[in-house]
N, C-alpha and C. Protein backbone atom coordinates (compact mmCIF):
# COMPACT_ATOMS: atom_id res chain seq x y z
N MET A 1 0.83 -1.19 0.00
CA MET A 1 0.00 0.00 0.01
C MET A 1 0.87 1.26 0.00
N THR A 2 2.05 1.19 0.58
CA THR A 2 2.94 2.34 0.61
C THR A 2 3.23 2.85 -0.81
N ALA A 3 3.40 1.94 -1.73
CA ALA A 3 3.67 2.34 -3.12
C ALA A 3 2.49 3.11 -3.71
N GLU A 4 1.27 2.69 -3.38
CA GLU A 4 0.08 3.38 -3.89
C GLU A 4 -0.04 4.76 -3.31
N VAL A 5 0.32 4.95 -2.05
CA VAL A 5 0.29 6.27 -1.43
C VAL A 5 1.37 7.15 -2.05
N LYS A 6 2.53 6.59 -2.36
CA LYS A 6 3.58 7.36 -3.02
C LYS A 6 3.16 7.85 -4.39
N VAL A 7 2.44 6.99 -5.11
CA VAL A 7 1.91 7.39 -6.44
C VAL A 7 0.94 8.56 -6.26
N LEU A 8 0.08 8.47 -5.26
CA LEU A 8 -0.89 9.55 -5.00
C LEU A 8 -0.17 10.85 -4.65
N LEU A 9 0.84 10.78 -3.82
CA LEU A 9 1.59 11.97 -3.46
C LEU A 9 2.32 12.57 -4.65
N ALA A 10 2.86 11.71 -5.52
CA ALA A 10 3.54 12.20 -6.72
C ALA A 10 2.56 12.91 -7.66
N LEU A 11 1.34 12.38 -7.76
CA LEU A 11 0.32 13.01 -8.60
C LEU A 11 -0.08 14.36 -8.02
N LYS A 12 -0.20 14.43 -6.71
CA LYS A 12 -0.56 15.72 -6.06
C LYS A 12 0.56 16.74 -6.27
N LYS A 13 1.81 16.29 -6.24
CA LYS A 13 2.93 17.22 -6.50
C LYS A 13 2.89 17.70 -7.93
N GLN A 14 2.57 16.81 -8.85
CA GLN A 14 2.47 17.18 -10.26
C GLN A 14 1.35 18.22 -10.44
N TYR A 15 0.23 18.03 -9.76
CA TYR A 15 -0.87 18.97 -9.83
C TYR A 15 -0.43 20.34 -9.33
N LYS A 16 0.30 20.35 -8.21
CA LYS A 16 0.75 21.61 -7.64
C LYS A 16 1.75 22.29 -8.58
N ASP A 17 2.61 21.51 -9.21
CA ASP A 17 3.58 22.07 -10.17
C ASP A 17 2.86 22.71 -11.35
N LEU A 18 1.76 22.11 -11.78
CA LEU A 18 1.01 22.66 -12.93
C LEU A 18 0.19 23.88 -12.57
N THR A 19 -0.44 23.87 -11.38
CA THR A 19 -1.37 24.91 -11.02
C THR A 19 -0.84 25.94 -10.03
N GLY A 20 0.18 25.55 -9.26
CA GLY A 20 0.66 26.43 -8.22
C GLY A 20 -0.17 26.34 -6.94
N GLU A 21 -1.15 25.43 -6.92
CA GLU A 21 -2.03 25.28 -5.76
C GLU A 21 -2.05 23.82 -5.34
N ASP A 22 -2.29 23.60 -4.03
CA ASP A 22 -2.48 22.24 -3.55
C ASP A 22 -3.78 21.66 -4.07
N PHE A 23 -3.83 20.36 -4.29
CA PHE A 23 -5.06 19.70 -4.73
C PHE A 23 -6.03 19.67 -3.57
N VAL A 24 -7.27 20.09 -3.83
CA VAL A 24 -8.34 20.04 -2.83
C VAL A 24 -9.44 19.14 -3.41
N PRO A 25 -9.69 18.01 -2.74
CA PRO A 25 -10.70 17.10 -3.25
C PRO A 25 -12.10 17.71 -3.19
N ALA A 26 -12.96 17.26 -4.07
CA ALA A 26 -14.33 17.71 -4.08
C ALA A 26 -15.02 17.25 -2.80
N GLN A 27 -15.98 18.01 -2.32
CA GLN A 27 -16.72 17.64 -1.12
C GLN A 27 -17.70 16.54 -1.45
N GLN A 28 -17.38 15.31 -1.04
CA GLN A 28 -18.24 14.17 -1.33
C GLN A 28 -18.73 13.57 -0.03
N GLY A 29 -20.02 13.69 0.24
CA GLY A 29 -20.61 13.05 1.39
C GLY A 29 -20.15 13.60 2.72
N LYS A 30 -19.60 14.79 2.73
CA LYS A 30 -19.16 15.39 3.98
C LYS A 30 -20.26 16.29 4.52
N LYS A 31 -20.28 16.44 5.85
CA LYS A 31 -21.28 17.31 6.46
C LYS A 31 -20.90 18.76 6.17
N PRO A 32 -21.93 19.58 5.91
CA PRO A 32 -21.63 21.00 5.63
C PRO A 32 -21.12 21.69 6.89
N ASP A 33 -20.23 22.65 6.70
CA ASP A 33 -19.73 23.40 7.85
C ASP A 33 -20.77 24.46 8.26
N ALA A 34 -20.49 25.23 9.28
CA ALA A 34 -21.45 26.18 9.84
C ALA A 34 -21.90 27.22 8.78
N ALA A 35 -20.98 27.69 7.95
CA ALA A 35 -21.36 28.68 6.93
C ALA A 35 -22.32 28.08 5.93
N GLU A 36 -22.07 26.83 5.53
CA GLU A 36 -22.94 26.19 4.56
C GLU A 36 -24.31 25.89 5.17
N LYS A 37 -24.35 25.56 6.47
CA LYS A 37 -25.63 25.31 7.14
C LYS A 37 -26.47 26.57 7.13
N GLY A 38 -25.84 27.72 7.35
CA GLY A 38 -26.56 28.98 7.34
C GLY A 38 -27.18 29.27 5.98
N LYS A 39 -26.46 28.95 4.94
CA LYS A 39 -26.97 29.16 3.57
C LYS A 39 -28.13 28.21 3.30
N GLN A 40 -28.01 26.97 3.76
CA GLN A 40 -29.08 25.98 3.53
C GLN A 40 -30.34 26.36 4.30
N ALA A 41 -30.18 26.90 5.48
CA ALA A 41 -31.32 27.24 6.33
C ALA A 41 -31.90 28.59 5.97
N GLY A 42 -31.37 29.23 4.97
CA GLY A 42 -31.88 30.53 4.57
C GLY A 42 -31.38 31.64 5.46
N GLY A 43 -30.33 31.39 6.20
CA GLY A 43 -29.74 32.36 7.10
C GLY A 43 -29.06 33.49 6.33
N PRO A 44 -28.62 34.49 7.05
CA PRO A 44 -27.98 35.62 6.37
C PRO A 44 -26.65 35.22 5.77
N THR A 45 -26.37 35.79 4.64
CA THR A 45 -25.07 35.54 4.00
C THR A 45 -24.33 36.86 3.91
N GLN A 46 -23.06 36.77 4.02
CA GLN A 46 -22.25 37.98 3.93
C GLN A 46 -21.68 38.08 2.53
N VAL A 47 -21.79 39.28 1.98
CA VAL A 47 -21.28 39.53 0.64
C VAL A 47 -20.11 40.50 0.77
N LYS A 48 -18.98 40.06 0.26
CA LYS A 48 -17.79 40.90 0.31
C LYS A 48 -17.82 41.83 -0.89
N LYS A 49 -17.71 43.12 -0.61
CA LYS A 49 -17.73 44.11 -1.70
C LYS A 49 -16.31 44.23 -2.25
N VAL A 50 -16.21 44.15 -3.56
CA VAL A 50 -14.92 44.24 -4.24
C VAL A 50 -14.92 45.53 -5.04
N PRO A 51 -13.90 46.37 -4.82
CA PRO A 51 -13.88 47.63 -5.57
C PRO A 51 -13.66 47.36 -7.05
N VAL A 52 -14.32 48.19 -7.86
CA VAL A 52 -14.19 48.06 -9.30
C VAL A 52 -12.95 48.82 -9.73
N THR A 53 -12.10 48.15 -10.48
CA THR A 53 -10.89 48.79 -10.98
C THR A 53 -10.90 48.79 -12.49
N ALA A 54 -10.00 49.52 -13.07
CA ALA A 54 -9.93 49.60 -14.52
C ALA A 54 -9.64 48.24 -15.11
N ALA A 55 -8.86 47.42 -14.41
CA ALA A 55 -8.50 46.09 -14.92
C ALA A 55 -9.74 45.19 -14.98
N SER A 56 -10.69 45.38 -14.05
CA SER A 56 -11.86 44.50 -14.05
C SER A 56 -12.92 44.99 -15.02
N GLU A 57 -12.72 46.16 -15.62
CA GLU A 57 -13.70 46.71 -16.55
C GLU A 57 -13.39 46.40 -18.02
N LYS A 58 -12.45 45.51 -18.26
CA LYS A 58 -12.10 45.15 -19.64
C LYS A 58 -13.24 44.40 -20.29
N SER A 59 -13.44 44.70 -21.55
CA SER A 59 -14.45 43.97 -22.30
C SER A 59 -13.86 42.62 -22.75
N PRO A 60 -14.72 41.67 -23.11
CA PRO A 60 -14.18 40.38 -23.58
C PRO A 60 -13.23 40.53 -24.75
N ALA A 61 -13.44 41.51 -25.60
CA ALA A 61 -12.57 41.71 -26.76
C ALA A 61 -11.17 42.15 -26.34
N GLU A 62 -11.08 42.83 -25.19
CA GLU A 62 -9.79 43.32 -24.70
C GLU A 62 -8.99 42.26 -23.99
N GLU A 63 -9.67 41.23 -23.52
CA GLU A 63 -8.96 40.16 -22.79
C GLU A 63 -8.13 39.34 -23.75
N ALA A 64 -7.06 38.77 -23.24
CA ALA A 64 -6.18 37.96 -24.06
C ALA A 64 -6.91 36.69 -24.46
N PRO A 65 -6.83 36.34 -25.73
CA PRO A 65 -7.48 35.10 -26.18
C PRO A 65 -6.78 33.87 -25.59
N LYS A 66 -7.54 32.83 -25.39
CA LYS A 66 -6.97 31.59 -24.87
C LYS A 66 -6.09 30.94 -25.95
N THR A 67 -4.90 30.60 -25.57
CA THR A 67 -3.99 30.01 -26.52
C THR A 67 -4.04 28.50 -26.46
N SER A 68 -3.43 27.87 -27.40
CA SER A 68 -3.40 26.41 -27.41
C SER A 68 -2.58 25.90 -26.22
N THR A 69 -1.59 26.68 -25.79
CA THR A 69 -0.78 26.31 -24.63
C THR A 69 -1.64 26.29 -23.38
N THR A 70 -2.51 27.30 -23.22
CA THR A 70 -3.39 27.36 -22.08
C THR A 70 -4.37 26.19 -22.09
N SER A 71 -4.95 25.89 -23.23
CA SER A 71 -5.89 24.79 -23.28
C SER A 71 -5.20 23.46 -23.06
N ALA A 72 -3.96 23.31 -23.53
CA ALA A 72 -3.21 22.09 -23.28
C ALA A 72 -2.91 21.95 -21.79
N LEU A 73 -2.57 23.08 -21.14
CA LEU A 73 -2.33 23.08 -19.71
C LEU A 73 -3.59 22.68 -18.96
N ASP A 74 -4.73 23.26 -19.35
CA ASP A 74 -6.01 22.93 -18.73
C ASP A 74 -6.31 21.45 -18.88
N GLU A 75 -6.02 20.90 -20.04
CA GLU A 75 -6.26 19.47 -20.29
C GLU A 75 -5.36 18.62 -19.40
N ASN A 76 -4.08 19.03 -19.28
CA ASN A 76 -3.15 18.29 -18.41
C ASN A 76 -3.62 18.34 -16.95
N VAL A 77 -4.06 19.50 -16.51
CA VAL A 77 -4.54 19.65 -15.13
C VAL A 77 -5.76 18.74 -14.92
N HIS A 78 -6.65 18.73 -15.87
CA HIS A 78 -7.87 17.89 -15.76
C HIS A 78 -7.47 16.41 -15.69
N MET A 79 -6.52 16.01 -16.53
CA MET A 79 -6.06 14.62 -16.54
C MET A 79 -5.44 14.23 -15.21
N VAL A 80 -4.58 15.09 -14.68
CA VAL A 80 -3.91 14.80 -13.40
C VAL A 80 -4.94 14.76 -12.28
N LYS A 81 -5.92 15.65 -12.34
CA LYS A 81 -6.97 15.68 -11.32
C LYS A 81 -7.76 14.37 -11.32
N GLU A 82 -8.09 13.87 -12.50
CA GLU A 82 -8.79 12.59 -12.60
C GLU A 82 -7.95 11.43 -12.06
N GLN A 83 -6.64 11.47 -12.38
CA GLN A 83 -5.74 10.42 -11.87
C GLN A 83 -5.65 10.47 -10.34
N ILE A 84 -5.60 11.68 -9.78
CA ILE A 84 -5.57 11.82 -8.32
C ILE A 84 -6.81 11.23 -7.70
N GLU A 85 -7.97 11.56 -8.29
CA GLU A 85 -9.23 11.05 -7.75
C GLU A 85 -9.29 9.53 -7.82
N MET A 86 -8.85 8.93 -8.93
CA MET A 86 -8.86 7.46 -9.05
C MET A 86 -7.88 6.83 -8.08
N GLN A 87 -6.68 7.40 -7.96
CA GLN A 87 -5.67 6.85 -7.07
C GLN A 87 -6.12 7.00 -5.61
N GLY A 88 -6.74 8.12 -5.29
CA GLY A 88 -7.24 8.36 -3.96
C GLY A 88 -8.30 7.32 -3.58
N GLN A 89 -9.18 7.03 -4.55
CA GLN A 89 -10.21 6.00 -4.31
C GLN A 89 -9.57 4.64 -4.09
N LYS A 90 -8.55 4.35 -4.85
CA LYS A 90 -7.84 3.07 -4.73
C LYS A 90 -7.22 2.93 -3.32
N VAL A 91 -6.58 4.02 -2.84
CA VAL A 91 -5.95 4.00 -1.53
C VAL A 91 -7.01 3.84 -0.44
N ARG A 92 -8.15 4.58 -0.59
CA ARG A 92 -9.21 4.44 0.41
C ARG A 92 -9.76 3.04 0.47
N GLU A 93 -9.93 2.40 -0.72
CA GLU A 93 -10.42 1.02 -0.74
C GLU A 93 -9.43 0.07 -0.10
N MET A 94 -8.14 0.29 -0.35
CA MET A 94 -7.12 -0.58 0.25
C MET A 94 -7.08 -0.40 1.77
N LYS A 95 -7.22 0.84 2.23
CA LYS A 95 -7.24 1.09 3.68
C LYS A 95 -8.46 0.40 4.29
N ALA A 96 -9.60 0.52 3.66
CA ALA A 96 -10.81 -0.10 4.20
C ALA A 96 -10.66 -1.62 4.24
N ALA A 97 -10.09 -2.20 3.21
CA ALA A 97 -9.89 -3.66 3.18
C ALA A 97 -8.87 -4.07 4.26
N GLY A 98 -7.85 -3.28 4.45
CA GLY A 98 -6.82 -3.57 5.48
C GLY A 98 -7.40 -3.51 6.87
N VAL A 99 -8.27 -2.53 7.10
CA VAL A 99 -8.90 -2.42 8.41
C VAL A 99 -9.78 -3.60 8.67
N ALA A 100 -10.51 -4.04 7.66
CA ALA A 100 -11.39 -5.19 7.83
C ALA A 100 -10.58 -6.46 8.14
N LYS A 101 -9.42 -6.61 7.49
CA LYS A 101 -8.57 -7.77 7.73
C LYS A 101 -8.03 -7.77 9.15
N VAL A 102 -7.60 -6.61 9.62
CA VAL A 102 -7.03 -6.50 10.96
C VAL A 102 -8.11 -6.83 12.00
N MET A 103 -9.32 -6.30 11.79
CA MET A 103 -10.40 -6.55 12.72
C MET A 103 -10.76 -8.04 12.75
N ALA A 104 -10.82 -8.67 11.59
CA ALA A 104 -11.17 -10.11 11.52
C ALA A 104 -10.11 -10.95 12.19
N ALA A 105 -8.85 -10.58 12.00
CA ALA A 105 -7.75 -11.33 12.60
C ALA A 105 -7.73 -11.21 14.13
N SER A 106 -8.16 -10.06 14.63
CA SER A 106 -8.12 -9.87 16.08
C SER A 106 -9.23 -10.65 16.80
N TYR A 107 -10.29 -11.03 16.10
CA TYR A 107 -11.36 -11.78 16.70
C TYR A 107 -11.13 -13.29 16.61
N CYS A 108 -10.13 -13.75 15.90
CA CYS A 108 -9.89 -15.18 15.74
C CYS A 108 -9.17 -15.76 16.91
């Protein structure tokens, strides 16, 4: 299992090298935090006001067009993200199977 975890860590490093950010897994089956509970219950939400600057007033025509390099990078990031998710699932399944084996062995 150590080898599988090393593969996962290598993929996460590759993701960080491509994006400059740590990989953050999607929220799957987790309980919402206090801020999310407030939103779900119709509670007050805070809106952060962002000052309008000349840079944010550019029209779509003024923005730099997406290059093939950018789209290739996006594709690589997407591919690495999928590999991380698959490898993470594999490690979770191995951990779950290992825990079940240890528990079964302790009752024998």
